[in-house]
Amino acid sequence: MDKLDHYRRCIQTLLEEHSQSKTQEEVENELFFDTVRDHYQLMRVGWKGLSRVYHTVLHFDIKDGKIWLQQNTTDSDVGQELVEMGIPKEDIVLGLHPAYKRPYTGYGVA
């Protein structure tokens, strides 16, 4: 299997697993897989009482052969989950951190 295909499948599997978590009654988990431009998201959308819920839970991009974690509002270490799926740490970039911090994360840099 091609490296990028493997990365896409791992991201999609991870997002599908995280989308199984329960939400409030009028809030839905929505998955977005853009396999052409390599953007992947799990969002929560709906209503909590009179308040609108529109929240990105997880967001990944694949850029230049690396997985970029752009957003993580879970308590899970999704970087480690990707490593356990066979993704090398150097191919995971924590894009949610500024560039000067990335060399100290233990993951890849751009």
PDB file of N, CA and C in Angstrom:
ATOM      1  N   MET A   1       0.842  -1.177   0.000  1.00  0.00           N
ATOM      2  CA  MET A   1       0.000   0.000   0.000  1.00  0.00           C
ATOM      3  C   MET A   1       0.891   1.245   0.000  1.00  0.00           C
ATOM      4  N   ASP A   2       0.505   2.206  -0.785  1.00  0.00           N
ATOM      5  CA  ASP A   2       1.198   3.480  -0.879  1.00  0.00           C
ATOM      6  C   ASP A   2       1.189   4.190   0.476  1.00  0.00           C
ATOM      7  N   LYS A   3       2.281   4.892   0.778  1.00  0.00           N
ATOM      8  CA  LYS A   3       2.422   5.601   2.054  1.00  0.00           C
ATOM      9  C   LYS A   3       1.264   6.574   2.286  1.00  0.00           C
ATOM     10  N   LEU A   4       0.913   7.387   1.292  1.00  0.00           N
ATOM     11  CA  LEU A   4      -0.163   8.358   1.470  1.00  0.00           C
ATOM     12  C   LEU A   4      -1.512   7.675   1.664  1.00  0.00           C
ATOM     13  N   ASP A   5      -1.744   6.586   0.952  1.00  0.00           N
ATOM     14  CA  ASP A   5      -2.988   5.832   1.157  1.00  0.00           C
ATOM     15  C   ASP A   5      -3.068   5.299   2.592  1.00  0.00           C
ATOM     16  N   HIS A   6      -1.936   4.806   3.083  1.00  0.00           N
ATOM     17  CA  HIS A   6      -1.887   4.318   4.464  1.00  0.00           C
ATOM     18  C   HIS A   6      -2.191   5.450   5.446  1.00  0.00           C
ATOM     19  N   TYR A   7      -1.593   6.609   5.234  1.00  0.00           N
ATOM     20  CA  TYR A   7      -1.826   7.754   6.114  1.00  0.00           C
ATOM     21  C   TYR A   7      -3.290   8.181   6.078  1.00  0.00           C
ATOM     22  N   ARG A   8      -3.875   8.215   4.900  1.00  0.00           N
ATOM     23  CA  ARG A   8      -5.295   8.582   4.767  1.00  0.00           C
ATOM     24  C   ARG A   8      -6.184   7.597   5.529  1.00  0.00           C
ATOM     25  N   ARG A   9      -5.903   6.314   5.369  1.00  0.00           N
ATOM     26  CA  ARG A   9      -6.715   5.300   6.057  1.00  0.00           C
ATOM     27  C   ARG A   9      -6.577   5.413   7.574  1.00  0.00           C
ATOM     28  N   CYS A  10      -5.359   5.651   8.039  1.00  0.00           N
ATOM     29  CA  CYS A  10      -5.143   5.779   9.486  1.00  0.00           C
ATOM     30  C   CYS A  10      -5.906   6.975  10.044  1.00  0.00           C
ATOM     31  N   ILE A  11      -5.827   8.105   9.366  1.00  0.00           N
ATOM     32  CA  ILE A  11      -6.542   9.304   9.825  1.00  0.00           C
ATOM     33  C   ILE A  11      -8.041   9.051   9.836  1.00  0.00           C
ATOM     34  N   GLN A  12      -8.559   8.467   8.773  1.00  0.00           N
ATOM     35  CA  GLN A  12      -9.992   8.210   8.699  1.00  0.00           C
ATOM     36  C   GLN A  12     -10.441   7.247   9.796  1.00  0.00           C
ATOM     37  N   THR A  13      -9.661   6.216  10.038  1.00  0.00           N
ATOM     38  CA  THR A  13      -9.985   5.259  11.102  1.00  0.00           C
ATOM     39  C   THR A  13      -9.989   5.947  12.459  1.00  0.00           C
ATOM     40  N   LEU A  14      -8.961   6.754  12.713  1.00  0.00           N
ATOM     41  CA  LEU A  14      -8.870   7.462  13.985  1.00  0.00           C
ATOM     42  C   LEU A  14     -10.075   8.388  14.178  1.00  0.00           C
ATOM     43  N   LEU A  15     -10.429   9.145  13.141  1.00  0.00           N
ATOM     44  CA  LEU A  15     -11.571  10.060  13.240  1.00  0.00           C
ATOM     45  C   LEU A  15     -12.881   9.294  13.432  1.00  0.00           C
ATOM     46  N   GLU A  16     -13.030   8.179  12.732  1.00  0.00           N
ATOM     47  CA  GLU A  16     -14.246   7.369  12.902  1.00  0.00           C
ATOM     48  C   GLU A  16     -14.356   6.849  14.335  1.00  0.00           C
ATOM     49  N   GLU A  17     -13.239   6.416  14.903  1.00  0.00           N
ATOM     50  CA  GLU A  17     -13.253   5.932  16.286  1.00  0.00           C
ATOM     51  C   GLU A  17     -13.655   7.052  17.245  1.00  0.00           C
ATOM     52  N   HIS A  18     -13.083   8.234  17.055  1.00  0.00           N
ATOM     53  CA  HIS A  18     -13.398   9.357  17.938  1.00  0.00           C
ATOM     54  C   HIS A  18     -14.828   9.866  17.727  1.00  0.00           C
ATOM     55  N   SER A  19     -15.391   9.642  16.563  1.00  0.00           N
ATOM     56  CA  SER A  19     -16.758  10.109  16.308  1.00  0.00           C
ATOM     57  C   SER A  19     -17.804   9.255  17.019  1.00  0.00           C
ATOM     58  N   GLN A  20     -17.389   8.123  17.574  1.00  0.00           N
ATOM     59  CA  GLN A  20     -18.324   7.239  18.271  1.00  0.00           C
ATOM     60  C   GLN A  20     -18.682   7.751  19.668  1.00  0.00           C
ATOM     61  N   SER A  21     -17.971   8.762  20.158  1.00  0.00           N
ATOM     62  CA  SER A  21     -18.273   9.277  21.494  1.00  0.00           C
ATOM     63  C   SER A  21     -19.644   9.936  21.502  1.00  0.00           C
ATOM     64  N   LYS A  22     -20.305   9.826  22.620  1.00  0.00           N
ATOM     65  CA  LYS A  22     -21.668  10.357  22.768  1.00  0.00           C
ATOM     66  C   LYS A  22     -21.645  11.885  22.758  1.00  0.00           C
ATOM     67  N   THR A  23     -22.710  12.447  22.229  1.00  0.00           N
ATOM     68  CA  THR A  23     -22.901  13.893  22.257  1.00  0.00           C
ATOM     69  C   THR A  23     -24.252  14.177  22.896  1.00  0.00           C
ATOM     70  N   GLN A  24     -24.523  15.464  23.104  1.00  0.00           N
ATOM     71  CA  GLN A  24     -25.846  15.830  23.616  1.00  0.00           C
ATOM     72  C   GLN A  24     -26.905  15.493  22.577  1.00  0.00           C
ATOM     73  N   GLU A  25     -28.135  15.521  23.007  1.00  0.00           N
ATOM     74  CA  GLU A  25     -29.263  15.093  22.194  1.00  0.00           C
ATOM     75  C   GLU A  25     -29.334  15.779  20.829  1.00  0.00           C
ATOM     76  N   GLU A  26     -29.144  17.075  20.783  1.00  0.00           N
ATOM     77  CA  GLU A  26     -29.301  17.809  19.529  1.00  0.00           C
ATOM     78  C   GLU A  26     -27.958  18.164  18.885  1.00  0.00           C
ATOM     79  N   VAL A  27     -26.899  17.471  19.275  1.00  0.00           N
ATOM     80  CA  VAL A  27     -25.567  17.710  18.711  1.00  0.00           C
ATOM     81  C   VAL A  27     -25.121  16.446  18.000  1.00  0.00           C
ATOM     82  N   GLU A  28     -24.639  16.604  16.773  1.00  0.00           N
ATOM     83  CA  GLU A  28     -24.174  15.462  15.985  1.00  0.00           C
ATOM     84  C   GLU A  28     -22.677  15.549  15.747  1.00  0.00           C
ATOM     85  N   ASN A  29     -22.051  14.396  15.675  1.00  0.00           N
ATOM     86  CA  ASN A  29     -20.666  14.319  15.204  1.00  0.00           C
ATOM     87  C   ASN A  29     -20.698  14.237  13.691  1.00  0.00           C
ATOM     88  N   GLU A  30     -19.915  15.067  13.042  1.00  0.00           N
ATOM     89  CA  GLU A  30     -19.836  15.053  11.579  1.00  0.00           C
ATOM     90  C   GLU A  30     -18.398  14.841  11.154  1.00  0.00           C
ATOM     91  N   LEU A  31     -18.215  13.947  10.181  1.00  0.00           N
ATOM     92  CA  LEU A  31     -16.890  13.644   9.639  1.00  0.00           C
ATOM     93  C   LEU A  31     -16.753  14.258   8.253  1.00  0.00           C
ATOM     94  N   PHE A  32     -15.584  14.819   7.995  1.00  0.00           N
ATOM     95  CA  PHE A  32     -15.281  15.398   6.686  1.00  0.00           C
ATOM     96  C   PHE A  32     -13.971  14.809   6.204  1.00  0.00           C
ATOM     97  N   PHE A  33     -14.021  14.114   5.071  1.00  0.00           N
ATOM     98  CA  PHE A  33     -12.844  13.496   4.472  1.00  0.00           C
ATOM     99  C   PHE A  33     -12.667  14.069   3.065  1.00  0.00           C
ATOM    100  N   ASP A  34     -11.738  14.953   2.881  1.00  0.00           N
ATOM    101  CA  ASP A  34     -11.406  15.484   1.567  1.00  0.00           C
ATOM    102  C   ASP A  34     -10.123  14.794   1.116  1.00  0.00           C
ATOM    103  N   THR A  35     -10.276  13.676   0.422  1.00  0.00           N
ATOM    104  CA  THR A  35      -9.117  12.871   0.022  1.00  0.00           C
ATOM    105  C   THR A  35      -8.401  13.427  -1.198  1.00  0.00           C
ATOM    106  N   VAL A  36      -8.984  14.428  -1.853  1.00  0.00           N
ATOM    107  CA  VAL A  36      -8.322  15.073  -2.996  1.00  0.00           C
ATOM    108  C   VAL A  36      -7.315  16.105  -2.493  1.00  0.00           C
ATOM    109  N   ARG A  37      -7.744  16.920  -1.526  1.00  0.00           N
ATOM    110  CA  ARG A  37      -6.881  17.974  -0.982  1.00  0.00           C
ATOM    111  C   ARG A  37      -6.284  17.597   0.370  1.00  0.00           C
ATOM    112  N   ASP A  38      -6.618  16.401   0.858  1.00  0.00           N
ATOM    113  CA  ASP A  38      -6.089  15.842   2.108  1.00  0.00           C
ATOM    114  C   ASP A  38      -6.376  16.704   3.335  1.00  0.00           C
ATOM    115  N   HIS A  39      -7.664  16.990   3.549  1.00  0.00           N
ATOM    116  CA  HIS A  39      -8.143  17.654   4.760  1.00  0.00           C
ATOM    117  C   HIS A  39      -9.156  16.719   5.418  1.00  0.00           C
ATOM    118  N   TYR A  40      -9.026  16.537   6.735  1.00  0.00           N
ATOM    119  CA  TYR A  40      -9.872  15.580   7.456  1.00  0.00           C
ATOM    120  C   TYR A  40     -10.282  16.193   8.791  1.00  0.00           C
ATOM    121  N   GLN A  41     -11.589  16.148   9.095  1.00  0.00           N
ATOM    122  CA  GLN A  41     -12.076  16.764  10.325  1.00  0.00           C
ATOM    123  C   GLN A  41     -13.188  15.959  10.975  1.00  0.00           C
ATOM    124  N   LEU A  42     -13.242  16.081  12.288  1.00  0.00           N
ATOM    125  CA  LEU A  42     -14.382  15.654  13.088  1.00  0.00           C
ATOM    126  C   LEU A  42     -14.917  16.914  13.752  1.00  0.00           C
ATOM    127  N   MET A  43     -16.203  17.188  13.518  1.00  0.00           N
ATOM    128  CA  MET A  43     -16.825  18.378  14.100  1.00  0.00           C
ATOM    129  C   MET A  43     -18.053  17.976  14.896  1.00  0.00           C
ATOM    130  N   ARG A  44     -18.433  18.830  15.832  1.00  0.00           N
ATOM    131  CA  ARG A  44     -19.697  18.706  16.549  1.00  0.00           C
ATOM    132  C   ARG A  44     -20.567  19.875  16.127  1.00  0.00           C
ATOM    133  N   VAL A  45     -21.776  19.556  15.681  1.00  0.00           N
ATOM    134  CA  VAL A  45     -22.675  20.561  15.129  1.00  0.00           C
ATOM    135  C   VAL A  45     -24.080  20.333  15.678  1.00  0.00           C
ATOM    136  N   GLY A  46     -24.723  21.414  16.097  1.00  0.00           N
ATOM    137  CA  GLY A  46     -26.102  21.307  16.565  1.00  0.00           C
ATOM    138  C   GLY A  46     -26.435  22.398  17.556  1.00  0.00           C
ATOM    139  N   TRP A  47     -27.288  22.039  18.509  1.00  0.00           N
ATOM    140  CA  TRP A  47     -27.768  22.994  19.504  1.00  0.00           C
ATOM    141  C   TRP A  47     -27.706  22.385  20.893  1.00  0.00           C
ATOM    142  N   LYS A  48     -27.299  23.187  21.867  1.00  0.00           N
ATOM    143  CA  LYS A  48     -27.346  22.840  23.281  1.00  0.00           C
ATOM    144  C   LYS A  48     -28.231  23.902  23.922  1.00  0.00           C
ATOM    145  N   GLY A  49     -29.489  23.544  24.098  1.00  0.00           N
ATOM    146  CA  GLY A  49     -30.461  24.536  24.556  1.00  0.00           C
ATOM    147  C   GLY A  49     -30.614  25.611  23.492  1.00  0.00           C
ATOM    148  N   LEU A  50     -30.368  26.846  23.877  1.00  0.00           N
ATOM    149  CA  LEU A  50     -30.464  27.969  22.937  1.00  0.00           C
ATOM    150  C   LEU A  50     -29.103  28.362  22.353  1.00  0.00           C
ATOM    151  N   SER A  51     -28.072  27.605  22.686  1.00  0.00           N
ATOM    152  CA  SER A  51     -26.723  27.926  22.208  1.00  0.00           C
ATOM    153  C   SER A  51     -26.347  27.045  21.025  1.00  0.00           C
ATOM    154  N   ARG A  52     -25.799  27.665  20.012  1.00  0.00           N
ATOM    155  CA  ARG A  52     -25.326  26.958  18.822  1.00  0.00           C
ATOM    156  C   ARG A  52     -24.015  26.263  19.131  1.00  0.00           C
ATOM    157  N   VAL A  53     -23.909  25.006  18.717  1.00  0.00           N
ATOM    158  CA  VAL A  53     -22.668  24.233  18.840  1.00  0.00           C
ATOM    159  C   VAL A  53     -22.107  24.064  17.438  1.00  0.00           C
ATOM    160  N   TYR A  54     -20.915  24.559  17.226  1.00  0.00           N
ATOM    161  CA  TYR A  54     -20.209  24.413  15.944  1.00  0.00           C
ATOM    162  C   TYR A  54     -18.734  24.388  16.304  1.00  0.00           C
ATOM    163  N   HIS A  55     -18.202  23.176  16.438  1.00  0.00           N
ATOM    164  CA  HIS A  55     -16.926  22.994  17.113  1.00  0.00           C
ATOM    165  C   HIS A  55     -16.071  21.962  16.377  1.00  0.00           C
ATOM    166  N   THR A  56     -14.857  22.330  16.050  1.00  0.00           N
ATOM    167  CA  THR A  56     -13.909  21.376  15.469  1.00  0.00           C
ATOM    168  C   THR A  56     -13.251  20.594  16.595  1.00  0.00           C
ATOM    169  N   VAL A  57     -13.442  19.292  16.588  1.00  0.00           N
ATOM    170  CA  VAL A  57     -12.868  18.413  17.601  1.00  0.00           C
ATOM    171  C   VAL A  57     -11.457  18.006  17.192  1.00  0.00           C
ATOM    172  N   LEU A  58     -11.317  17.484  15.978  1.00  0.00           N
ATOM    173  CA  LEU A  58     -10.021  17.059  15.439  1.00  0.00           C
ATOM    174  C   LEU A  58      -9.908  17.513  13.989  1.00  0.00           C
ATOM    175  N   HIS A  59      -8.727  17.953  13.616  1.00  0.00           N
ATOM    176  CA  HIS A  59      -8.476  18.385  12.233  1.00  0.00           C
ATOM    177  C   HIS A  59      -7.067  17.949  11.861  1.00  0.00           C
ATOM    178  N   PHE A  60      -6.988  17.195  10.763  1.00  0.00           N
ATOM    179  CA  PHE A  60      -5.710  16.752  10.207  1.00  0.00           C
ATOM    180  C   PHE A  60      -5.607  17.206   8.757  1.00  0.00           C
ATOM    181  N   ASP A  61      -4.400  17.501   8.323  1.00  0.00           N
ATOM    182  CA  ASP A  61      -4.079  17.711   6.919  1.00  0.00           C
ATOM    183  C   ASP A  61      -2.893  16.819   6.589  1.00  0.00           C
ATOM    184  N   ILE A  62      -2.775  16.452   5.329  1.00  0.00           N
ATOM    185  CA  ILE A  62      -1.544  15.814   4.858  1.00  0.00           C
ATOM    186  C   ILE A  62      -0.895  16.804   3.905  1.00  0.00           C
ATOM    187  N   LYS A  63       0.323  17.222   4.267  1.00  0.00           N
ATOM    188  CA  LYS A  63       1.076  18.178   3.452  1.00  0.00           C
ATOM    189  C   LYS A  63       2.498  17.667   3.288  1.00  0.00           C
ATOM    190  N   ASP A  64       2.966  17.662   2.046  1.00  0.00           N
ATOM    191  CA  ASP A  64       4.342  17.252   1.748  1.00  0.00           C
ATOM    192  C   ASP A  64       4.699  15.901   2.375  1.00  0.00           C
ATOM    193  N   GLY A  65       3.735  14.965   2.333  1.00  0.00           N
ATOM    194  CA  GLY A  65       3.991  13.608   2.807  1.00  0.00           C
ATOM    195  C   GLY A  65       3.971  13.444   4.315  1.00  0.00           C
ATOM    196  N   LYS A  66       3.537  14.477   5.044  1.00  0.00           N
ATOM    197  CA  LYS A  66       3.465  14.396   6.502  1.00  0.00           C
ATOM    198  C   LYS A  66       2.043  14.690   6.970  1.00  0.00           C
ATOM    199  N   ILE A  67       1.691  14.076   8.098  1.00  0.00           N
ATOM    200  CA  ILE A  67       0.388  14.334   8.715  1.00  0.00           C
ATOM    201  C   ILE A  67       0.533  15.526   9.650  1.00  0.00           C
ATOM    202  N   TRP A  68      -0.294  16.525   9.419  1.00  0.00           N
ATOM    203  CA  TRP A  68      -0.311  17.720  10.259  1.00  0.00           C
ATOM    204  C   TRP A  68      -1.529  17.665  11.173  1.00  0.00           C
ATOM    205  N   LEU A  69      -1.305  17.665  12.470  1.00  0.00           N
ATOM    206  CA  LEU A  69      -2.390  17.777  13.436  1.00  0.00           C
ATOM    207  C   LEU A  69      -2.641  19.268  13.654  1.00  0.00           C
ATOM    208  N   GLN A  70      -3.784  19.742  13.172  1.00  0.00           N
ATOM    209  CA  GLN A  70      -4.097  21.168  13.215  1.00  0.00           C
ATOM    210  C   GLN A  70      -4.940  21.546  14.441  1.00  0.00           C
ATOM    211  N   GLN A  71      -5.732  20.597  14.946  1.00  0.00           N
ATOM    212  CA  GLN A  71      -6.609  20.874  16.089  1.00  0.00           C
ATOM    213  C   GLN A  71      -6.878  19.583  16.824  1.00  0.00           C
ATOM    214  N   ASN A  72      -6.831  19.638  18.153  1.00  0.00           N
ATOM    215  CA  ASN A  72      -7.181  18.504  18.992  1.00  0.00           C
ATOM    216  C   ASN A  72      -7.793  19.041  20.276  1.00  0.00           C
ATOM    217  N   THR A  73      -9.102  18.918  20.402  1.00  0.00           N
ATOM    218  CA  THR A  73      -9.765  19.365  21.624  1.00  0.00           C
ATOM    219  C   THR A  73     -10.229  18.172  22.461  1.00  0.00           C
ATOM    220  N   THR A  74      -9.626  17.018  22.217  1.00  0.00           N
ATOM    221  CA  THR A  74      -9.915  15.829  23.022  1.00  0.00           C
ATOM    222  C   THR A  74      -8.872  15.724  24.128  1.00  0.00           C
ATOM    223  N   ASP A  75      -9.071  14.766  25.009  1.00  0.00           N
ATOM    224  CA  ASP A  75      -8.070  14.465  26.039  1.00  0.00           C
ATOM    225  C   ASP A  75      -7.107  13.391  25.561  1.00  0.00           C
ATOM    226  N   SER A  76      -7.267  12.947  24.323  1.00  0.00           N
ATOM    227  CA  SER A  76      -6.465  11.856  23.776  1.00  0.00           C
ATOM    228  C   SER A  76      -5.184  12.374  23.136  1.00  0.00           C
ATOM    229  N   ASP A  77      -4.143  11.560  23.219  1.00  0.00           N
ATOM    230  CA  ASP A  77      -2.882  11.845  22.532  1.00  0.00           C
ATOM    231  C   ASP A  77      -2.990  11.210  21.141  1.00  0.00           C
ATOM    232  N   VAL A  78      -3.622  11.937  20.209  1.00  0.00           N
ATOM    233  CA  VAL A  78      -3.862  11.364  18.886  1.00  0.00           C
ATOM    234  C   VAL A  78      -2.565  11.164  18.110  1.00  0.00           C
ATOM    235  N   GLY A  79      -1.533  11.927  18.426  1.00  0.00           N
ATOM    236  CA  GLY A  79      -0.226  11.674  17.820  1.00  0.00           C
ATOM    237  C   GLY A  79       0.257  10.283  18.164  1.00  0.00           C
ATOM    238  N   GLN A  80       0.149   9.916  19.429  1.00  0.00           N
ATOM    239  CA  GLN A  80       0.557   8.577  19.865  1.00  0.00           C
ATOM    240  C   GLN A  80      -0.348   7.511  19.244  1.00  0.00           C
ATOM    241  N   GLU A  81      -1.625   7.810  19.079  1.00  0.00           N
ATOM    242  CA  GLU A  81      -2.528   6.857  18.431  1.00  0.00           C
ATOM    243  C   GLU A  81      -2.080   6.595  16.993  1.00  0.00           C
ATOM    244  N   LEU A  82      -1.635   7.644  16.298  1.00  0.00           N
ATOM    245  CA  LEU A  82      -1.129   7.465  14.934  1.00  0.00           C
ATOM    246  C   LEU A  82       0.158   6.649  14.926  1.00  0.00           C
ATOM    247  N   VAL A  83       1.035   6.895  15.897  1.00  0.00           N
ATOM    248  CA  VAL A  83       2.275   6.115  16.006  1.00  0.00           C
ATOM    249  C   VAL A  83       1.938   4.638  16.189  1.00  0.00           C
ATOM    250  N   GLU A  84       0.951   4.355  17.032  1.00  0.00           N
ATOM    251  CA  GLU A  84       0.544   2.963  17.273  1.00  0.00           C
ATOM    252  C   GLU A  84      -0.069   2.323  16.033  1.00  0.00           C
ATOM    253  N   MET A  85      -0.501   3.149  15.072  1.00  0.00           N
ATOM    254  CA  MET A  85      -1.037   2.638  13.805  1.00  0.00           C
ATOM    255  C   MET A  85       0.074   2.475  12.759  1.00  0.00           C
ATOM    256  N   GLY A  86       1.320   2.756  13.147  1.00  0.00           N
ATOM    257  CA  GLY A  86       2.437   2.550  12.241  1.00  0.00           C
ATOM    258  C   GLY A  86       2.964   3.799  11.555  1.00  0.00           C
ATOM    259  N   ILE A  87       2.528   4.989  11.977  1.00  0.00           N
ATOM    260  CA  ILE A  87       3.031   6.235  11.392  1.00  0.00           C
ATOM    261  C   ILE A  87       4.294   6.642  12.149  1.00  0.00           C
ATOM    262  N   PRO A  88       5.412   6.876  11.451  1.00  0.00           N
ATOM    263  CA  PRO A  88       6.623   7.318  12.143  1.00  0.00           C
ATOM    264  C   PRO A  88       6.424   8.709  12.755  1.00  0.00           C
ATOM    265  N   LYS A  89       6.973   8.915  13.950  1.00  0.00           N
ATOM    266  CA  LYS A  89       6.833  10.204  14.634  1.00  0.00           C
ATOM    267  C   LYS A  89       7.322  11.363  13.776  1.00  0.00           C
ATOM    268  N   GLU A  90       8.371  11.133  12.996  1.00  0.00           N
ATOM    269  CA  GLU A  90       8.913  12.229  12.185  1.00  0.00           C
ATOM    270  C   GLU A  90       7.977  12.628  11.045  1.00  0.00           C
ATOM    271  N   ASP A  91       6.945  11.824  10.777  1.00  0.00           N
ATOM    272  CA  ASP A  91       5.958  12.165   9.751  1.00  0.00           C
ATOM    273  C   ASP A  91       4.681  12.748  10.339  1.00  0.00           C
ATOM    274  N   ILE A  92       4.710  13.077  11.623  1.00  0.00           N
ATOM    275  CA  ILE A  92       3.583  13.727  12.284  1.00  0.00           C
ATOM    276  C   ILE A  92       4.048  15.101  12.746  1.00  0.00           C
ATOM    277  N   VAL A  93       3.385  16.138  12.282  1.00  0.00           N
ATOM    278  CA  VAL A  93       3.739  17.515  12.644  1.00  0.00           C
ATOM    279  C   VAL A  93       2.613  18.085  13.493  1.00  0.00           C
ATOM    280  N   LEU A  94       2.964  18.607  14.650  1.00  0.00           N
ATOM    281  CA  LEU A  94       1.968  19.228  15.518  1.00  0.00           C
ATOM    282  C   LEU A  94       1.783  20.675  15.089  1.00  0.00           C
ATOM    283  N   GLY A  95       0.968  20.853  14.052  1.00  0.00           N
ATOM    284  CA  GLY A  95       0.727  22.179  13.500  1.00  0.00           C
ATOM    285  C   GLY A  95       0.000  23.098  14.448  1.00  0.00           C
ATOM    286  N   LEU A  96      -0.560  22.547  15.526  1.00  0.00           N
ATOM    287  CA  LEU A  96      -1.224  23.375  16.514  1.00  0.00           C
ATOM    288  C   LEU A  96      -0.233  24.073  17.439  1.00  0.00           C
ATOM    289  N   HIS A  97       1.043  23.741  17.306  1.00  0.00           N
ATOM    290  CA  HIS A  97       2.106  24.443  18.037  1.00  0.00           C
ATOM    291  C   HIS A  97       2.847  25.376  17.078  1.00  0.00           C
ATOM    292  N   PRO A  98       3.356  26.491  17.578  1.00  0.00           N
ATOM    293  CA  PRO A  98       4.146  27.365  16.709  1.00  0.00           C
ATOM    294  C   PRO A  98       5.420  26.659  16.239  1.00  0.00           C
ATOM    295  N   ALA A  99       5.924  27.088  15.101  1.00  0.00           N
ATOM    296  CA  ALA A  99       7.083  26.430  14.470  1.00  0.00           C
ATOM    297  C   ALA A  99       8.284  26.321  15.406  1.00  0.00           C
ATOM    298  N   TYR A 100       8.521  27.324  16.242  1.00  0.00           N
ATOM    299  CA  TYR A 100       9.706  27.286  17.105  1.00  0.00           C
ATOM    300  C   TYR A 100       9.602  26.210  18.192  1.00  0.00           C
ATOM    301  N   LYS A 101       8.395  25.760  18.524  1.00  0.00           N
ATOM    302  CA  LYS A 101       8.213  24.721  19.534  1.00  0.00           C
ATOM    303  C   LYS A 101       8.290  23.314  18.968  1.00  0.00           C
ATOM    304  N   ARG A 102       8.029  23.163  17.695  1.00  0.00           N
ATOM    305  CA  ARG A 102       7.901  21.820  17.108  1.00  0.00           C
ATOM    306  C   ARG A 102       9.139  20.946  17.271  1.00  0.00           C
ATOM    307  N   PRO A 103      10.368  21.486  17.200  1.00  0.00           N
ATOM    308  CA  PRO A 103      11.525  20.601  17.390  1.00  0.00           C
ATOM    309  C   PRO A 103      11.586  19.951  18.777  1.00  0.00           C
ATOM    310  N   TYR A 104      10.854  20.480  19.738  1.00  0.00           N
ATOM    311  CA  TYR A 104      10.891  19.989  21.114  1.00  0.00           C
ATOM    312  C   TYR A 104       9.724  19.057  21.443  1.00  0.00           C
ATOM    313  N   THR A 105       8.866  18.776  20.471  1.00  0.00           N
ATOM    314  CA  THR A 105       7.668  17.969  20.727  1.00  0.00           C
ATOM    315  C   THR A 105       7.921  16.463  20.648  1.00  0.00           C
ATOM    316  N   GLY A 106       9.020  16.060  20.045  1.00  0.00           N
ATOM    317  CA  GLY A 106       9.253  14.645  19.830  1.00  0.00           C
ATOM    318  C   GLY A 106       8.645  14.135  18.537  1.00  0.00           C
ATOM    319  N   TYR A 107       7.973  15.032  17.819  1.00  0.00           N
ATOM    320  CA  TYR A 107       7.372  14.700  16.543  1.00  0.00           C
ATOM    321  C   TYR A 107       8.113  15.434  15.435  1.00  0.00           C
ATOM    322  N   GLY A 108       7.618  15.318  14.214  1.00  0.00           N
ATOM    323  CA  GLY A 108       8.277  15.904  13.054  1.00  0.00           C
ATOM    324  C   GLY A 108       8.184  17.424  13.017  1.00  0.00           C
ATOM    325  N   VAL A 109       9.025  17.997  12.178  1.00  0.00           N
ATOM    326  CA  VAL A 109       8.978  19.433  11.898  1.00  0.00           C
ATOM    327  C   VAL A 109       8.805  19.598  10.408  1.00  0.00           C
ATOM    328  N   ALA A 110       8.305  20.743  10.016  1.00  0.00           N
ATOM    329  CA  ALA A 110       8.056  20.979   8.587  1.00  0.00           C
ATOM    330  C   ALA A 110       9.303  21.489   7.908  1.00  0.00           C
TER     331      ALA A 110
END
